Amino acid sequence: MGTDSINLASALRDDDQPGFALHRGFADAAIGNAMLDEVIAIARSAASGNDVTPAWVVKESQEGFVGHAPEDYVAKIFKLHRTGTFRSFLALPEVASILVAAIGPDVDCFLSQFIFKNPGAWGQPWHQDSYYFPFEPARPIVGLWLAVTRATLENGCLHVLPGSQAEPVHQHVPDSRPGSVYGYVEIVDHDMDASAPCLLSPGDLMVFDSHLMHRSTDNLSDEIRAAMVWHFCRPGTVDLGIEIAGTKIESPLNDFMPVIRDGIAVGDAVGK
């Protein structure tokens, strides 16, 4: 599964293409390990009552979820792309090459999240990321998914529906499971029988279009399935907001930051 197509934009968005590309061994596993160390420190600091902003810690909410250390209870940590290894990764020339091929010479990062997926954690139902991104222009929006640990069938790897990026954003309904992670929704009006699992090793990188339908399954193993995800768009993209109780509300998780200008990674200027 996957593609190494030179024409990345075509692989992500053309109707007859899979909607994603997979780069095996893209990053040294040590990079992911450094990210894991950083988010564990954030989780422990937050658990001690410290202010960890701009990071946004979301805990597992399913009933009876157990763990030992503070990080064992964390589902995701958002808003990381201005700091530490998460920021320096975006300044790598290899990352810039991918983003320029997928989006163009000017790119912003607007969302980042570290996914813990601890043992016993539920998966996220079938969805399209663009449901969460009511933007103008609506596309291109591209995600980078870096495997920090291995992703297997047992520990809740991603599953994707190749070609579904060619479809519009489908109706999403709230996740019906009591205690599911806040904000989880699911697609229930589409046949997913042609889906395929994404079995990844530490350092593998997936690039995917925001319309691609994907999900993760429950972690039935005794190991963490960790990943770091960034989402990107063109400069000037506007968040139109999701309508809640008749009011348009912009996501508090979005933080638009320049990462590439004129085809060159912003580097030390990021976040200034």
Protein backbone atom coordinates (compact mmCIF):
# COMPACT_ATOMS: atom_id res chain seq x y z
CA MET A 1 0.00 0.00 0.00
CA GLY A 2 1.20 3.49 -0.76
CA THR A 3 2.87 5.42 -3.56
CA ASP A 4 6.17 7.12 -4.24
CA SER A 5 4.76 9.14 -7.13
CA ILE A 6 6.84 12.16 -8.08
CA ASN A 7 3.63 14.08 -8.76
CA LEU A 8 2.50 14.22 -5.17
CA ALA A 9 -0.32 16.68 -5.76
CA SER A 10 -1.81 14.26 -8.29
CA ALA A 11 -1.43 11.29 -5.94
CA LEU A 12 -3.26 13.18 -3.21
CA ARG A 13 -6.14 14.71 -5.14
CA ASP A 14 -6.76 13.19 -8.60
CA ASP A 15 -9.87 11.03 -8.82
CA ASP A 16 -7.99 7.90 -9.95
CA GLN A 17 -5.25 8.16 -7.29
CA PRO A 18 -5.15 6.82 -3.70
CA GLY A 19 -5.26 10.16 -1.85
CA PHE A 20 -2.12 9.50 0.15
CA ALA A 21 1.58 8.76 -0.21
CA LEU A 22 3.80 6.73 2.07
CA HIS A 23 7.49 7.46 2.69
CA ARG A 24 9.10 4.52 4.45
CA GLY A 25 11.99 5.31 6.78
CA PHE A 26 11.58 9.05 6.24
CA ALA A 27 12.90 10.06 9.67
CA ASP A 28 15.27 8.52 12.16
CA ALA A 29 13.40 6.87 15.01
CA ALA A 30 15.32 9.12 17.41
CA ILE A 31 13.30 12.12 16.18
CA GLY A 32 10.04 10.47 17.19
CA ASN A 33 11.53 9.39 20.51
CA ALA A 34 12.50 13.01 21.23
CA MET A 35 8.93 14.09 20.47
CA LEU A 36 7.56 11.42 22.79
CA ASP A 37 9.86 12.61 25.57
CA GLU A 38 8.65 16.19 25.07
CA VAL A 39 4.94 15.34 25.21
CA ILE A 40 5.43 13.12 28.26
CA ALA A 41 7.04 16.11 29.98
CA ILE A 42 4.05 18.27 28.98
CA ALA A 43 1.57 15.68 30.23
CA ARG A 44 3.32 15.37 33.58
CA SER A 45 3.63 19.12 33.98
CA ALA A 46 -0.07 19.61 33.23
CA ALA A 47 -0.95 16.87 35.73
CA SER A 48 1.02 18.78 38.36
CA GLY A 49 -1.15 21.83 37.78
CA ASN A 50 1.28 23.84 35.68
CA ASP A 51 0.30 26.03 32.74
CA VAL A 52 1.47 24.25 29.58
CA THR A 53 -0.01 26.65 27.02
CA PRO A 54 -0.02 26.84 24.09
CA ALA A 55 -0.24 23.02 24.36
CA TRP A 56 -3.78 21.67 24.78
CA VAL A 57 -4.02 18.34 26.60
CA VAL A 58 -7.02 16.06 25.92
CA LYS A 59 -7.47 13.04 28.17
CA GLU A 60 -9.16 9.74 27.48
CA SER A 61 -12.75 9.90 28.70
CA GLN A 62 -13.94 6.31 28.35
CA GLU A 63 -15.22 4.84 31.58
CA GLY A 64 -12.81 2.66 33.53
CA PHE A 65 -9.71 3.71 31.58
CA VAL A 66 -6.64 2.81 33.64
CA GLY A 67 -3.00 3.80 33.72
CA HIS A 68 -0.10 4.56 36.03
CA ALA A 69 1.77 7.70 34.91
CA PRO A 70 -0.05 10.92 33.89
CA GLU A 71 0.73 10.36 30.21
CA ASP A 72 -1.08 7.00 30.31
CA TYR A 73 -4.40 8.89 30.52
CA VAL A 74 -3.72 11.32 27.67
CA ALA A 75 -5.42 10.84 24.29
CA LYS A 76 -3.89 13.76 22.39
CA ILE A 77 -1.89 16.93 22.90
CA PHE A 78 -2.59 19.74 20.43
CA LYS A 79 -0.84 22.99 19.44
CA LEU A 80 2.76 21.83 19.43
CA HIS A 81 4.07 23.11 16.11
CA ARG A 82 5.72 26.28 17.43
CA THR A 83 8.03 24.51 19.87
CA GLY A 84 10.82 21.97 20.26
CA THR A 85 11.33 19.02 17.95
CA PHE A 86 7.85 19.51 16.49
CA ARG A 87 8.94 22.87 15.12
CA SER A 88 12.44 21.84 14.01
CA PHE A 89 11.01 18.90 12.06
CA LEU A 90 9.05 21.33 9.89
CA ALA A 91 12.27 23.19 9.03
CA LEU A 92 13.85 20.09 7.45
CA PRO A 93 14.47 20.52 3.70
CA GLU A 94 13.01 17.05 3.09
CA VAL A 95 9.74 18.13 4.71
CA ALA A 96 9.71 21.36 2.73
CA SER A 97 10.09 19.39 -0.52
CA ILE A 98 7.03 17.30 0.28
CA LEU A 99 4.91 20.28 1.27
CA VAL A 100 5.89 22.33 -1.78
CA ALA A 101 5.03 19.39 -4.05
CA ALA A 102 1.68 18.90 -2.31
CA ILE A 103 0.57 22.51 -1.75
CA GLY A 104 2.86 25.01 -3.47
CA PRO A 105 5.75 27.37 -2.68
CA ASP A 106 4.02 29.00 0.30
CA VAL A 107 2.68 26.88 3.15
CA ASP A 108 1.27 27.44 6.64
CA CYS A 109 0.87 24.89 9.41
CA PHE A 110 -2.41 25.45 11.22
CA LEU A 111 -2.85 22.39 13.44
CA SER A 112 -0.69 19.84 15.20
CA GLN A 113 -1.42 16.95 17.50
CA PHE A 114 0.49 14.17 19.20
CA ILE A 115 -1.58 11.00 19.44
CA PHE A 116 -0.76 8.67 22.35
CA LYS A 117 -3.17 5.76 21.69
CA ASN A 118 -2.27 4.02 24.95
CA PRO A 119 -3.20 0.37 25.64
CA GLY A 120 -6.96 0.05 25.93
CA ALA A 121 -7.69 3.31 24.10
CA TRP A 122 -10.54 3.30 21.61
CA GLY A 123 -9.98 4.13 17.98
CA GLN A 124 -11.35 7.14 16.13
CA PRO A 125 -14.30 6.37 13.81
CA TRP A 126 -14.32 6.87 10.04
CA HIS A 127 -14.01 10.56 9.21
CA GLN A 128 -12.57 13.13 6.81
CA ASP A 129 -10.33 15.79 8.30
CA SER A 130 -11.98 18.49 6.20
CA TYR A 131 -15.13 18.05 8.30
CA TYR A 132 -13.15 19.77 11.07
CA PHE A 133 -11.69 22.36 8.67
CA PRO A 134 -14.46 24.59 7.25
CA PHE A 135 -11.92 26.75 5.42
CA GLU A 136 -11.86 29.14 2.49
CA PRO A 137 -10.33 28.02 0.21
CA ALA A 138 -11.37 24.51 1.16
CA ARG A 139 -8.33 22.90 -0.45
CA PRO A 140 -5.52 22.03 -0.69
CA ILE A 141 -5.25 20.87 2.91
CA VAL A 142 -2.65 18.21 3.58
CA GLY A 143 -1.70 16.18 6.63
CA LEU A 144 1.66 14.69 7.60
CA TRP A 145 1.50 11.65 9.88
CA LEU A 146 4.81 10.58 11.44
CA ALA A 147 4.85 7.15 13.09
CA VAL A 148 6.62 7.51 16.45
CA THR A 149 6.12 3.86 17.37
CA ARG A 150 5.15 0.94 15.18
CA ALA A 151 1.50 0.78 14.10
CA THR A 152 -0.01 -2.70 13.92
CA LEU A 153 -3.43 -4.29 13.63
CA GLU A 154 -3.27 -5.10 17.34
CA ASN A 155 -2.34 -1.64 18.63
CA GLY A 156 -4.86 0.30 16.56
CA CYS A 157 -3.24 1.35 13.29
CA LEU A 158 -4.84 3.68 10.78
CA HIS A 159 -7.13 2.33 8.07
CA VAL A 160 -7.73 4.36 4.90
CA LEU A 161 -10.19 4.17 2.03
CA PRO A 162 -8.09 4.74 -1.11
CA GLY A 163 -9.71 7.06 -3.63
CA SER A 164 -12.15 8.60 -1.17
CA GLN A 165 -10.33 11.93 -1.42
CA ALA A 166 -12.23 12.40 -4.69
CA GLU A 167 -15.51 12.65 -2.79
CA PRO A 168 -17.07 15.69 -1.09
CA VAL A 169 -17.16 15.93 2.68
CA HIS A 170 -19.81 13.49 3.83
CA GLN A 171 -22.25 13.92 6.67
CA HIS A 172 -20.62 13.18 10.02
CA VAL A 173 -22.64 12.22 13.08
CA PRO A 174 -21.48 12.27 16.72
CA ASP A 175 -19.59 9.19 17.92
CA SER A 176 -22.29 7.17 19.69
CA ARG A 177 -19.97 5.48 22.19
CA PRO A 178 -20.44 6.84 25.74
CA GLY A 179 -17.15 8.31 26.89
CA SER A 180 -15.57 8.70 23.46
CA VAL A 181 -12.95 11.41 23.02
CA TYR A 182 -14.46 14.92 22.80
CA GLY A 183 -15.16 15.94 19.22
CA TYR A 184 -15.18 12.47 17.68
CA VAL A 185 -17.66 12.08 14.83
CA GLU A 186 -18.17 9.40 12.21
CA ILE A 187 -19.28 8.77 8.65
CA VAL A 188 -22.14 6.28 8.50
CA ASP A 189 -23.37 6.71 4.91
CA HIS A 190 -20.50 5.05 3.02
CA ASP A 191 -19.29 1.53 2.25
CA MET A 192 -15.79 1.07 3.70
CA ASP A 193 -15.21 -2.52 2.53
CA ALA A 194 -12.34 -1.47 0.24
CA SER A 195 -10.33 0.04 3.09
CA ALA A 196 -6.77 -0.99 3.88
CA PRO A 197 -4.67 -0.89 7.07
CA CYS A 198 -1.55 1.28 7.32
CA LEU A 199 1.11 -0.85 9.02
CA LEU A 200 3.93 1.52 9.90
CA SER A 201 7.37 1.44 11.48
CA PRO A 202 8.91 4.24 13.56
CA GLY A 203 9.99 7.03 11.23
CA ASP A 204 7.56 6.21 8.42
CA LEU A 205 5.70 9.26 7.10
CA MET A 206 2.24 9.37 5.53
CA VAL A 207 1.09 12.35 3.45
CA PHE A 208 -2.66 12.54 2.90
CA ASP A 209 -5.40 14.75 1.53
CA SER A 210 -7.96 16.17 3.94
CA HIS A 211 -10.88 14.47 2.11
CA LEU A 212 -9.39 10.99 2.50
CA MET A 213 -11.64 8.81 4.66
CA HIS A 214 -9.73 7.15 7.47
CA ARG A 215 -10.12 5.72 10.95
CA SER A 216 -8.13 3.98 13.66
CA THR A 217 -9.07 0.88 15.62
CA ASP A 218 -8.89 0.11 19.34
CA ASN A 219 -5.51 -0.57 20.92
CA LEU A 220 -5.85 -4.18 22.05
CA SER A 221 -2.14 -4.58 22.78
CA ASP A 222 0.02 -3.74 25.77
CA GLU A 223 2.06 -1.14 23.86
CA ILE A 224 1.52 2.50 22.96
CA ARG A 225 0.80 3.40 19.33
CA ALA A 226 2.11 6.95 19.15
CA ALA A 227 2.12 9.33 16.18
CA MET A 228 2.66 13.02 15.48
CA VAL A 229 0.40 14.78 12.98
CA TRP A 230 0.59 18.22 11.36
CA HIS A 231 -1.94 19.84 8.99
CA PHE A 232 -1.07 22.42 6.33
CA CYS A 233 -2.74 24.91 4.00
CA ARG A 234 -1.89 27.90 1.84
CA PRO A 235 -1.32 31.33 3.43
CA GLY A 236 -4.44 33.44 3.64
CA THR A 237 -6.70 30.48 4.32
CA VAL A 238 -9.62 31.56 6.51
CA ASP A 239 -11.40 29.47 9.15
CA LEU A 240 -15.11 30.05 8.49
CA GLY A 241 -16.06 28.26 11.72
CA ILE A 242 -18.27 25.33 12.58
CA GLU A 243 -21.87 26.20 13.37
CA ILE A 244 -22.80 25.36 16.96
CA ALA A 245 -26.22 26.38 18.29
CA GLY A 246 -26.61 28.83 15.42
CA THR A 247 -23.22 30.50 15.96
CA LYS A 248 -20.10 30.13 13.80
CA ILE A 249 -17.17 29.21 16.04
CA GLU A 250 -13.54 29.01 14.94
CA SER A 251 -11.63 26.08 16.37
CA PRO A 252 -9.45 27.04 19.37
CA LEU A 253 -7.03 24.34 18.23
CA ASN A 254 -6.06 26.14 15.03
CA ASP A 255 -2.92 28.26 15.05
CA PHE A 256 -1.81 29.42 11.60
CA MET A 257 1.98 29.65 11.33
CA PRO A 258 4.23 30.15 8.27
CA VAL A 259 6.52 27.21 7.52
CA ILE A 260 7.50 27.73 3.86
CA ARG A 261 7.85 30.87 1.79
CA ASP A 262 9.04 30.87 -1.83
CA GLY A 263 9.80 27.18 -1.54
CA ILE A 264 12.16 27.60 1.41
CA ALA A 265 11.54 26.46 5.00
CA VAL A 266 11.08 29.47 7.26
CA GLY A 267 13.38 27.90 9.86
CA ASP A 268 14.43 30.27 12.64
CA ALA A 269 11.70 32.71 11.65
CA VAL A 270 8.99 30.19 12.53
CA GLY A 271 6.90 31.40 15.43
CA LYS A 272 8.50 34.86 15.62
